[in-house]
Amino acid sequence: MTRSARRGTTLVELLIALTMLGIVGTIVADAMRAQIGLRTRIARRAASNVQLREAVAPLAHDLVRVAGGGADVIAAESNDSILTIRATRIEGWLCDADTARGHAWIQPASEELGRSPDAGDSLWVQVRTASSRPATRAVAVVVRAERRPAESGPCAVGAAPWRVTIEGPARAHLAPGALARVRRRVRYSLYRASDRATYLGLREAGTSGSYATVQPVAGPFDPRRSRLVLLTPAGLERGMASDVAVGAVRLLLVERPASAWDDTAASARVDLTIALRRR
């Protein structure tokens, strides 16, 4: 056996092989980390989008039942960042009425997101106008509301009715068979919190008519790119003009990046434009 045949791997060759192996391993590890990071970001963004849509569901649900240009939108209390509406608590028909005591039994056709009527809400019923055309008008402020199952009569069919009590001469408008709604003034707004982030907030009117403390509905959002825009029936931005009817509402919510180094273009977002019903 010759000397060249007995020659093994030299130290230099071993170092070169180890270096190349390290380089390849680093490339593979970086590629795997990037792939895992991408899948994590995609999953997180998908989850954030779902959470955003679930968070804005109450507002979207309220807006579907709101009629623009009518009494549903309180124009004097709405501007470029605030939307004040009369949100429906329950909707149905008067299955019975006691005008002497001011009791109205409402058989609910729908109950909005588990909301219950309460004192301070307003009762709206369908009445006949001078032209014999039905119109929904506010009757009175609800003094008391409670759910009572009926043992007999029209109110015993279906779900247990709500009994609402009102006061004053408006009792005469309580006619069985009329469509009825119980509504409450609510205010949605984009507001800046102490952490300098923007939140979608909700304030409900109390029995005294004043609004309660704002409660966050969703957030935090990027204050520079999140907007609540009121649109006219022609599709133009309404701005601060309180005497112009609202035809649609656009809600653009962009998730606030966790840090300044995050990619803002990859932030979860919701962009909804909801046209209001016309009467």
C-alpha atoms as a PDB file:
ATOM      1  CA  MET A   1       0.000   0.000   0.000  1.00  0.00           C
ATOM      2  CA  THR A   2       1.458   3.322  -1.075  1.00  0.00           C
ATOM      3  CA  ARG A   3       1.732   6.363   1.188  1.00  0.00           C
ATOM      4  CA  SER A   4      -0.840   8.376  -0.868  1.00  0.00           C
ATOM      5  CA  ALA A   5      -3.423   5.594  -0.390  1.00  0.00           C
ATOM      6  CA  ARG A   6      -3.052   5.810   3.391  1.00  0.00           C
ATOM      7  CA  ARG A   7      -3.589   9.602   3.428  1.00  0.00           C
ATOM      8  CA  GLY A   8      -6.738  10.682   5.433  1.00  0.00           C
ATOM      9  CA  THR A   9      -8.703  13.944   5.746  1.00  0.00           C
ATOM     10  CA  THR A  10      -6.577  16.876   6.658  1.00  0.00           C
ATOM     11  CA  LEU A  11      -7.489  19.436   9.304  1.00  0.00           C
ATOM     12  CA  VAL A  12      -7.972  22.113   6.667  1.00  0.00           C
ATOM     13  CA  GLU A  13     -10.433  19.953   4.717  1.00  0.00           C
ATOM     14  CA  LEU A  14     -12.342  19.171   7.912  1.00  0.00           C
ATOM     15  CA  LEU A  15     -12.611  22.870   8.789  1.00  0.00           C
ATOM     16  CA  ILE A  16     -13.836  23.680   5.287  1.00  0.00           C
ATOM     17  CA  ALA A  17     -16.484  20.934   5.485  1.00  0.00           C
ATOM     18  CA  LEU A  18     -17.657  22.108   8.899  1.00  0.00           C
ATOM     19  CA  THR A  19     -17.843  25.708   7.695  1.00  0.00           C
ATOM     20  CA  MET A  20     -19.899  24.751   4.653  1.00  0.00           C
ATOM     21  CA  LEU A  21     -22.149  22.602   6.833  1.00  0.00           C
ATOM     22  CA  GLY A  22     -22.660  25.527   9.197  1.00  0.00           C
ATOM     23  CA  ILE A  23     -23.500  27.871   6.337  1.00  0.00           C
ATOM     24  CA  VAL A  24     -26.037  25.434   4.888  1.00  0.00           C
ATOM     25  CA  GLY A  25     -27.516  24.820   8.331  1.00  0.00           C
ATOM     26  CA  THR A  26     -27.846  28.559   8.953  1.00  0.00           C
ATOM     27  CA  ILE A  27     -29.599  29.074   5.621  1.00  0.00           C
ATOM     28  CA  VAL A  28     -31.996  26.192   6.310  1.00  0.00           C
ATOM     29  CA  ALA A  29     -32.681  27.415   9.860  1.00  0.00           C
ATOM     30  CA  ASP A  30     -33.347  30.975   8.643  1.00  0.00           C
ATOM     31  CA  ALA A  31     -35.695  29.674   5.967  1.00  0.00           C
ATOM     32  CA  MET A  32     -37.577  27.564   8.512  1.00  0.00           C
ATOM     33  CA  ARG A  33     -37.839  30.483  10.941  1.00  0.00           C
ATOM     34  CA  ALA A  34     -39.092  32.742   8.182  1.00  0.00           C
ATOM     35  CA  GLN A  35     -41.676  30.142   7.143  1.00  0.00           C
ATOM     36  CA  ILE A  36     -42.827  29.627  10.717  1.00  0.00           C
ATOM     37  CA  GLY A  37     -42.949  33.393  11.280  1.00  0.00           C
ATOM     38  CA  LEU A  38     -44.984  33.892   8.108  1.00  0.00           C
ATOM     39  CA  ARG A  39     -47.477  31.206   9.091  1.00  0.00           C
ATOM     40  CA  THR A  40     -47.723  32.700  12.581  1.00  0.00           C
ATOM     41  CA  ARG A  41     -48.371  36.180  11.197  1.00  0.00           C
ATOM     42  CA  ILE A  42     -50.986  34.870   8.779  1.00  0.00           C
ATOM     43  CA  ALA A  43     -52.746  32.962  11.566  1.00  0.00           C
ATOM     44  CA  ARG A  44     -52.573  35.968  13.899  1.00  0.00           C
ATOM     45  CA  ARG A  45     -53.920  38.313  11.241  1.00  0.00           C
ATOM     46  CA  ALA A  46     -56.759  35.914  10.405  1.00  0.00           C
ATOM     47  CA  ALA A  47     -57.641  35.646  14.095  1.00  0.00           C
ATOM     48  CA  SER A  48     -57.443  39.438  14.467  1.00  0.00           C
ATOM     49  CA  ASN A  49     -59.742  39.932  11.475  1.00  0.00           C
ATOM     50  CA  VAL A  50     -62.290  37.555  13.002  1.00  0.00           C
ATOM     51  CA  GLN A  51     -62.061  39.345  16.351  1.00  0.00           C
ATOM     52  CA  LEU A  52     -62.471  42.725  14.666  1.00  0.00           C
ATOM     53  CA  ARG A  53     -65.569  41.629  12.802  1.00  0.00           C
ATOM     54  CA  GLU A  54     -67.062  40.126  15.940  1.00  0.00           C
ATOM     55  CA  ALA A  55     -66.258  43.303  17.863  1.00  0.00           C
ATOM     56  CA  VAL A  56     -68.025  45.596  15.373  1.00  0.00           C
ATOM     57  CA  ALA A  57     -71.018  43.249  15.053  1.00  0.00           C
ATOM     58  CA  PRO A  58     -73.180  45.276  17.501  1.00  0.00           C
ATOM     59  CA  LEU A  59     -72.698  48.471  15.483  1.00  0.00           C
ATOM     60  CA  ALA A  60     -73.296  46.703  12.169  1.00  0.00           C
ATOM     61  CA  HIS A  61     -76.385  45.014  13.599  1.00  0.00           C
ATOM     62  CA  ASP A  62     -77.774  48.333  14.828  1.00  0.00           C
ATOM     63  CA  LEU A  63     -77.109  50.084  11.532  1.00  0.00           C
ATOM     64  CA  VAL A  64     -78.931  47.449   9.502  1.00  0.00           C
ATOM     65  CA  ARG A  65     -82.164  48.495  11.257  1.00  0.00           C
ATOM     66  CA  VAL A  66     -81.523  52.222  11.133  1.00  0.00           C
ATOM     67  CA  ALA A  67     -83.304  54.406   8.593  1.00  0.00           C
ATOM     68  CA  GLY A  68     -81.333  57.361   7.309  1.00  0.00           C
ATOM     69  CA  GLY A  69     -82.964  60.737   7.014  1.00  0.00           C
ATOM     70  CA  GLY A  70     -85.568  59.841   9.606  1.00  0.00           C
ATOM     71  CA  ALA A  71     -85.809  59.752  13.354  1.00  0.00           C
ATOM     72  CA  ASP A  72     -83.411  56.806  13.712  1.00  0.00           C
ATOM     73  CA  VAL A  73     -80.300  58.945  13.235  1.00  0.00           C
ATOM     74  CA  ILE A  74     -80.033  61.893  15.606  1.00  0.00           C
ATOM     75  CA  ALA A  75     -78.354  64.305  13.213  1.00  0.00           C
ATOM     76  CA  ALA A  76     -77.770  67.052  15.772  1.00  0.00           C
ATOM     77  CA  GLU A  77     -75.661  64.669  17.873  1.00  0.00           C
ATOM     78  CA  SER A  78     -73.687  63.120  15.004  1.00  0.00           C
ATOM     79  CA  ASN A  79     -70.560  64.392  13.304  1.00  0.00           C
ATOM     80  CA  ASP A  80     -67.402  63.131  11.612  1.00  0.00           C
ATOM     81  CA  SER A  81     -66.393  60.876  14.532  1.00  0.00           C
ATOM     82  CA  ILE A  82     -69.659  60.361  16.434  1.00  0.00           C
ATOM     83  CA  LEU A  83     -72.798  58.523  15.371  1.00  0.00           C
ATOM     84  CA  THR A  84     -75.884  58.826  17.586  1.00  0.00           C
ATOM     85  CA  ILE A  85     -78.830  56.599  16.759  1.00  0.00           C
ATOM     86  CA  ARG A  86     -81.958  55.156  18.295  1.00  0.00           C
ATOM     87  CA  ALA A  87     -81.061  51.492  18.550  1.00  0.00           C
ATOM     88  CA  THR A  88     -83.802  48.904  18.686  1.00  0.00           C
ATOM     89  CA  ARG A  89     -84.017  46.876  21.890  1.00  0.00           C
ATOM     90  CA  ILE A  90     -87.004  44.743  20.926  1.00  0.00           C
ATOM     91  CA  GLU A  91     -89.280  44.722  17.901  1.00  0.00           C
ATOM     92  CA  GLY A  92     -92.648  43.065  17.535  1.00  0.00           C
ATOM     93  CA  TRP A  93     -96.350  43.766  17.767  1.00  0.00           C
ATOM     94  CA  LEU A  94     -98.783  44.774  20.499  1.00  0.00           C
ATOM     95  CA  CYS A  95    -100.575  41.575  21.386  1.00  0.00           C
ATOM     96  CA  ASP A  96    -102.557  43.329  24.145  1.00  0.00           C
ATOM     97  CA  ALA A  97    -102.922  46.770  25.715  1.00  0.00           C
ATOM     98  CA  ASP A  98    -104.443  48.358  28.789  1.00  0.00           C
ATOM     99  CA  THR A  99    -104.865  52.052  28.048  1.00  0.00           C
ATOM    100  CA  ALA A 100    -106.193  52.803  31.541  1.00  0.00           C
ATOM    101  CA  ARG A 101    -103.054  51.565  33.250  1.00  0.00           C
ATOM    102  CA  GLY A 102    -100.653  52.356  30.434  1.00  0.00           C
ATOM    103  CA  HIS A 103     -99.606  48.725  29.938  1.00  0.00           C
ATOM    104  CA  ALA A 104     -98.548  47.425  26.523  1.00  0.00           C
ATOM    105  CA  TRP A 105     -97.693  43.783  25.937  1.00  0.00           C
ATOM    106  CA  ILE A 106     -95.206  43.374  23.096  1.00  0.00           C
ATOM    107  CA  GLN A 107     -94.794  39.999  21.432  1.00  0.00           C
ATOM    108  CA  PRO A 108     -91.155  40.142  20.276  1.00  0.00           C
ATOM    109  CA  ALA A 109     -90.406  39.209  16.695  1.00  0.00           C
ATOM    110  CA  SER A 110     -86.719  39.800  17.322  1.00  0.00           C
ATOM    111  CA  GLU A 111     -84.622  40.673  20.341  1.00  0.00           C
ATOM    112  CA  GLU A 112     -81.473  42.529  19.464  1.00  0.00           C
ATOM    113  CA  LEU A 113     -78.299  40.766  20.590  1.00  0.00           C
ATOM    114  CA  GLY A 114     -79.700  39.868  23.993  1.00  0.00           C
ATOM    115  CA  ARG A 115     -80.601  43.462  24.857  1.00  0.00           C
ATOM    116  CA  SER A 116     -83.533  44.079  27.170  1.00  0.00           C
ATOM    117  CA  PRO A 117     -85.792  47.144  27.386  1.00  0.00           C
ATOM    118  CA  ASP A 118     -85.550  49.252  30.495  1.00  0.00           C
ATOM    119  CA  ALA A 119     -86.855  52.426  32.062  1.00  0.00           C
ATOM    120  CA  GLY A 120     -85.879  55.460  30.026  1.00  0.00           C
ATOM    121  CA  ASP A 121     -86.256  53.736  26.659  1.00  0.00           C
ATOM    122  CA  SER A 122     -88.837  55.051  24.199  1.00  0.00           C
ATOM    123  CA  LEU A 123     -91.833  53.125  22.889  1.00  0.00           C
ATOM    124  CA  TRP A 124     -92.565  53.574  19.186  1.00  0.00           C
ATOM    125  CA  VAL A 125     -95.799  52.243  17.691  1.00  0.00           C
ATOM    126  CA  GLN A 126     -97.364  52.326  14.265  1.00  0.00           C
ATOM    127  CA  VAL A 127    -100.268  54.774  14.167  1.00  0.00           C
ATOM    128  CA  ARG A 128    -102.586  56.024  11.460  1.00  0.00           C
ATOM    129  CA  THR A 129    -101.885  59.522  10.192  1.00  0.00           C
ATOM    130  CA  ALA A 130    -104.331  62.060   8.786  1.00  0.00           C
ATOM    131  CA  SER A 131    -103.737  60.596   5.324  1.00  0.00           C
ATOM    132  CA  SER A 132    -104.651  57.115   6.669  1.00  0.00           C
ATOM    133  CA  ARG A 133    -101.105  55.952   5.992  1.00  0.00           C
ATOM    134  CA  PRO A 134     -99.367  54.090   8.818  1.00  0.00           C
ATOM    135  CA  ALA A 135     -96.347  55.779  10.377  1.00  0.00           C
ATOM    136  CA  THR A 136     -94.095  54.783  13.240  1.00  0.00           C
ATOM    137  CA  ARG A 137     -94.015  57.430  15.927  1.00  0.00           C
ATOM    138  CA  ALA A 138     -92.660  57.808  19.413  1.00  0.00           C
ATOM    139  CA  VAL A 139     -95.454  57.330  21.923  1.00  0.00           C
ATOM    140  CA  ALA A 140     -93.861  57.811  25.328  1.00  0.00           C
ATOM    141  CA  VAL A 141     -90.925  57.063  27.558  1.00  0.00           C
ATOM    142  CA  VAL A 142     -90.972  53.633  29.154  1.00  0.00           C
ATOM    143  CA  VAL A 143     -91.423  53.798  32.927  1.00  0.00           C
ATOM    144  CA  ARG A 144     -91.022  50.109  33.603  1.00  0.00           C
ATOM    145  CA  ALA A 145     -90.363  46.969  31.530  1.00  0.00           C
ATOM    146  CA  GLU A 146     -90.669  43.357  32.589  1.00  0.00           C
ATOM    147  CA  ARG A 147     -91.143  40.005  30.945  1.00  0.00           C
ATOM    148  CA  ARG A 148     -94.304  38.169  31.926  1.00  0.00           C
ATOM    149  CA  PRO A 149     -95.573  34.938  30.382  1.00  0.00           C
ATOM    150  CA  ALA A 150     -99.252  35.108  29.363  1.00  0.00           C
ATOM    151  CA  GLU A 151    -101.541  32.234  30.304  1.00  0.00           C
ATOM    152  CA  SER A 152    -104.204  32.939  27.688  1.00  0.00           C
ATOM    153  CA  GLY A 153    -105.120  35.230  24.820  1.00  0.00           C
ATOM    154  CA  PRO A 154    -103.043  36.369  21.836  1.00  0.00           C
ATOM    155  CA  CYS A 155     -99.991  36.998  24.037  1.00  0.00           C
ATOM    156  CA  ALA A 156     -99.849  33.334  25.061  1.00  0.00           C
ATOM    157  CA  VAL A 157     -98.726  32.327  21.554  1.00  0.00           C
ATOM    158  CA  GLY A 158     -94.991  32.219  20.959  1.00  0.00           C
ATOM    159  CA  ALA A 159     -92.332  33.659  23.204  1.00  0.00           C
ATOM    160  CA  ALA A 160     -93.173  35.327  26.492  1.00  0.00           C
ATOM    161  CA  PRO A 161     -94.164  38.963  25.852  1.00  0.00           C
ATOM    162  CA  TRP A 162     -92.633  42.069  27.352  1.00  0.00           C
ATOM    163  CA  ARG A 163     -94.933  44.301  29.370  1.00  0.00           C
ATOM    164  CA  VAL A 164     -93.906  47.932  29.185  1.00  0.00           C
ATOM    165  CA  THR A 165     -95.571  50.688  31.170  1.00  0.00           C
ATOM    166  CA  ILE A 166     -95.913  54.276  29.995  1.00  0.00           C
ATOM    167  CA  GLU A 167     -97.543  57.376  31.435  1.00  0.00           C
ATOM    168  CA  GLY A 168     -99.447  60.315  30.021  1.00  0.00           C
ATOM    169  CA  PRO A 169    -102.055  60.846  27.280  1.00  0.00           C
ATOM    170  CA  ALA A 170    -100.083  58.748  24.809  1.00  0.00           C
ATOM    171  CA  ARG A 171    -101.780  55.686  26.289  1.00  0.00           C
ATOM    172  CA  ALA A 172    -104.588  56.223  23.792  1.00  0.00           C
ATOM    173  CA  HIS A 173    -102.251  55.116  20.974  1.00  0.00           C
ATOM    174  CA  LEU A 174    -101.866  51.633  22.455  1.00  0.00           C
ATOM    175  CA  ALA A 175    -103.900  49.541  20.027  1.00  0.00           C
ATOM    176  CA  PRO A 176    -103.525  45.734  19.883  1.00  0.00           C
ATOM    177  CA  GLY A 177    -102.128  44.549  16.576  1.00  0.00           C
ATOM    178  CA  ALA A 178     -99.946  47.598  15.961  1.00  0.00           C
ATOM    179  CA  LEU A 179     -96.256  47.185  15.215  1.00  0.00           C
ATOM    180  CA  ALA A 180     -94.082  48.292  18.101  1.00  0.00           C
ATOM    181  CA  ARG A 181     -90.441  48.931  18.913  1.00  0.00           C
ATOM    182  CA  VAL A 182     -88.619  49.836  22.075  1.00  0.00           C
ATOM    183  CA  ARG A 183     -85.603  51.994  21.357  1.00  0.00           C
ATOM    184  CA  ARG A 184     -82.727  53.558  23.234  1.00  0.00           C
ATOM    185  CA  ARG A 185     -80.404  56.371  22.270  1.00  0.00           C
ATOM    186  CA  VAL A 186     -76.863  55.086  21.849  1.00  0.00           C
ATOM    187  CA  ARG A 187     -73.722  56.851  20.717  1.00  0.00           C
ATOM    188  CA  TYR A 188     -70.876  55.181  18.843  1.00  0.00           C
ATOM    189  CA  SER A 189     -67.602  57.056  18.532  1.00  0.00           C
ATOM    190  CA  LEU A 190     -63.899  56.722  17.910  1.00  0.00           C
ATOM    191  CA  TYR A 191     -62.114  58.115  20.950  1.00  0.00           C
ATOM    192  CA  ARG A 192     -58.501  58.450  22.095  1.00  0.00           C
ATOM    193  CA  ALA A 193     -57.712  56.638  25.343  1.00  0.00           C
ATOM    194  CA  SER A 194     -54.946  57.254  27.862  1.00  0.00           C
ATOM    195  CA  ASP A 195     -52.665  54.795  26.043  1.00  0.00           C
ATOM    196  CA  ARG A 196     -52.837  57.090  22.967  1.00  0.00           C
ATOM    197  CA  ALA A 197     -54.628  54.417  20.970  1.00  0.00           C
ATOM    198  CA  THR A 198     -58.020  54.803  19.318  1.00  0.00           C
ATOM    199  CA  TYR A 199     -60.979  52.679  20.394  1.00  0.00           C
ATOM    200  CA  LEU A 200     -64.505  52.191  19.114  1.00  0.00           C
ATOM    201  CA  GLY A 201     -66.678  53.176  22.053  1.00  0.00           C
ATOM    202  CA  LEU A 202     -70.351  52.932  22.982  1.00  0.00           C
ATOM    203  CA  ARG A 203     -72.362  55.167  25.306  1.00  0.00           C
ATOM    204  CA  GLU A 204     -76.000  54.493  26.160  1.00  0.00           C
ATOM    205  CA  ALA A 205     -78.497  57.085  27.334  1.00  0.00           C
ATOM    206  CA  GLY A 206     -79.790  56.571  30.868  1.00  0.00           C
ATOM    207  CA  THR A 207     -83.127  57.330  32.465  1.00  0.00           C
ATOM    208  CA  SER A 208     -82.172  60.980  32.915  1.00  0.00           C
ATOM    209  CA  GLY A 209     -81.352  61.344  29.225  1.00  0.00           C
ATOM    210  CA  SER A 210     -77.622  61.821  29.793  1.00  0.00           C
ATOM    211  CA  TYR A 211     -75.101  59.374  28.392  1.00  0.00           C
ATOM    212  CA  ALA A 212     -73.214  56.906  30.542  1.00  0.00           C
ATOM    213  CA  THR A 213     -69.444  56.550  30.588  1.00  0.00           C
ATOM    214  CA  VAL A 214     -68.017  55.371  27.298  1.00  0.00           C
ATOM    215  CA  GLN A 215     -67.397  51.633  27.096  1.00  0.00           C
ATOM    216  CA  PRO A 216     -64.828  50.240  24.633  1.00  0.00           C
ATOM    217  CA  VAL A 217     -66.384  47.973  22.016  1.00  0.00           C
ATOM    218  CA  ALA A 218     -63.228  47.183  20.065  1.00  0.00           C
ATOM    219  CA  GLY A 219     -59.599  48.262  19.901  1.00  0.00           C
ATOM    220  CA  PRO A 220     -56.878  49.375  20.106  1.00  0.00           C
ATOM    221  CA  PHE A 221     -56.653  50.790  16.587  1.00  0.00           C
ATOM    222  CA  ASP A 222     -54.177  52.903  14.682  1.00  0.00           C
ATOM    223  CA  PRO A 223     -55.349  56.489  15.293  1.00  0.00           C
ATOM    224  CA  ARG A 224     -53.894  57.704  11.996  1.00  0.00           C
ATOM    225  CA  ARG A 225     -55.738  55.260   9.758  1.00  0.00           C
ATOM    226  CA  SER A 226     -58.971  54.448  11.617  1.00  0.00           C
ATOM    227  CA  ARG A 227     -62.058  56.482  10.751  1.00  0.00           C
ATOM    228  CA  LEU A 228     -65.796  56.687  11.336  1.00  0.00           C
ATOM    229  CA  VAL A 229     -67.248  58.506   8.342  1.00  0.00           C
ATOM    230  CA  LEU A 230     -70.849  59.584   7.823  1.00  0.00           C
ATOM    231  CA  LEU A 231     -71.913  59.698   4.180  1.00  0.00           C
ATOM    232  CA  THR A 232     -74.773  61.603   2.575  1.00  0.00           C
ATOM    233  CA  PRO A 233     -77.380  59.785   0.440  1.00  0.00           C
ATOM    234  CA  ALA A 234     -75.279  60.878  -2.571  1.00  0.00           C
ATOM    235  CA  GLY A 235     -72.228  59.065  -1.154  1.00  0.00           C
ATOM    236  CA  LEU A 236     -70.292  62.207  -0.159  1.00  0.00           C
ATOM    237  CA  GLU A 237     -68.672  62.722   3.207  1.00  0.00           C
ATOM    238  CA  ARG A 238     -71.094  64.562   5.476  1.00  0.00           C
ATOM    239  CA  GLY A 239     -68.460  66.144   7.711  1.00  0.00           C
ATOM    240  CA  MET A 240     -69.671  68.420  10.498  1.00  0.00           C
ATOM    241  CA  ALA A 241     -72.913  69.486   8.789  1.00  0.00           C
ATOM    242  CA  SER A 242     -75.661  68.494  11.232  1.00  0.00           C
ATOM    243  CA  ASP A 243     -78.495  69.501   8.888  1.00  0.00           C
ATOM    244  CA  VAL A 244     -77.599  66.966   6.176  1.00  0.00           C
ATOM    245  CA  ALA A 245     -79.190  63.524   6.154  1.00  0.00           C
ATOM    246  CA  VAL A 246     -77.039  60.454   6.705  1.00  0.00           C
ATOM    247  CA  GLY A 247     -77.279  57.898   3.913  1.00  0.00           C
ATOM    248  CA  ALA A 248     -74.530  55.474   4.888  1.00  0.00           C
ATOM    249  CA  VAL A 249     -71.828  54.894   7.466  1.00  0.00           C
ATOM    250  CA  ARG A 250     -68.268  53.846   6.679  1.00  0.00           C
ATOM    251  CA  LEU A 251     -66.209  52.274   9.436  1.00  0.00           C
ATOM    252  CA  LEU A 252     -62.494  51.804   8.787  1.00  0.00           C
ATOM    253  CA  LEU A 253     -60.643  50.173  11.684  1.00  0.00           C
ATOM    254  CA  VAL A 254     -56.954  49.302  11.403  1.00  0.00           C
ATOM    255  CA  GLU A 255     -55.302  47.316  14.166  1.00  0.00           C
ATOM    256  CA  ARG A 256     -52.555  49.175  15.989  1.00  0.00           C
ATOM    257  CA  PRO A 257     -49.133  47.549  15.470  1.00  0.00           C
ATOM    258  CA  ALA A 258     -47.675  45.943  18.595  1.00  0.00           C
ATOM    259  CA  SER A 259     -44.474  47.957  18.137  1.00  0.00           C
ATOM    260  CA  ALA A 260     -42.992  50.616  15.877  1.00  0.00           C
ATOM    261  CA  TRP A 261     -41.025  47.914  14.071  1.00  0.00           C
ATOM    262  CA  ASP A 262     -44.066  45.930  12.961  1.00  0.00           C
ATOM    263  CA  ASP A 263     -45.219  46.068   9.368  1.00  0.00           C
ATOM    264  CA  THR A 264     -48.238  48.403   9.416  1.00  0.00           C
ATOM    265  CA  ALA A 265     -49.330  47.155   5.993  1.00  0.00           C
ATOM    266  CA  ALA A 266     -49.891  43.706   7.490  1.00  0.00           C
ATOM    267  CA  SER A 267     -52.158  44.983  10.282  1.00  0.00           C
ATOM    268  CA  ALA A 268     -55.618  43.482  10.491  1.00  0.00           C
ATOM    269  CA  ARG A 269     -58.359  45.792   9.324  1.00  0.00           C
ATOM    270  CA  VAL A 270     -62.098  46.074   8.838  1.00  0.00           C
ATOM    271  CA  ASP A 271     -63.560  48.352   6.174  1.00  0.00           C
ATOM    272  CA  LEU A 272     -67.365  48.359   6.271  1.00  0.00           C
ATOM    273  CA  THR A 273     -69.771  50.643   4.466  1.00  0.00           C
ATOM    274  CA  ILE A 274     -73.391  50.147   5.523  1.00  0.00           C
ATOM    275  CA  ALA A 275     -76.174  51.892   3.631  1.00  0.00           C
ATOM    276  CA  LEU A 276     -79.068  52.950   5.842  1.00  0.00           C
ATOM    277  CA  ARG A 277     -82.623  52.024   4.982  1.00  0.00           C
ATOM    278  CA  ARG A 278     -84.856  54.627   3.381  1.00  0.00           C
ATOM    279  CA  ARG A 279     -88.436  55.146   4.434  1.00  0.00           C
END
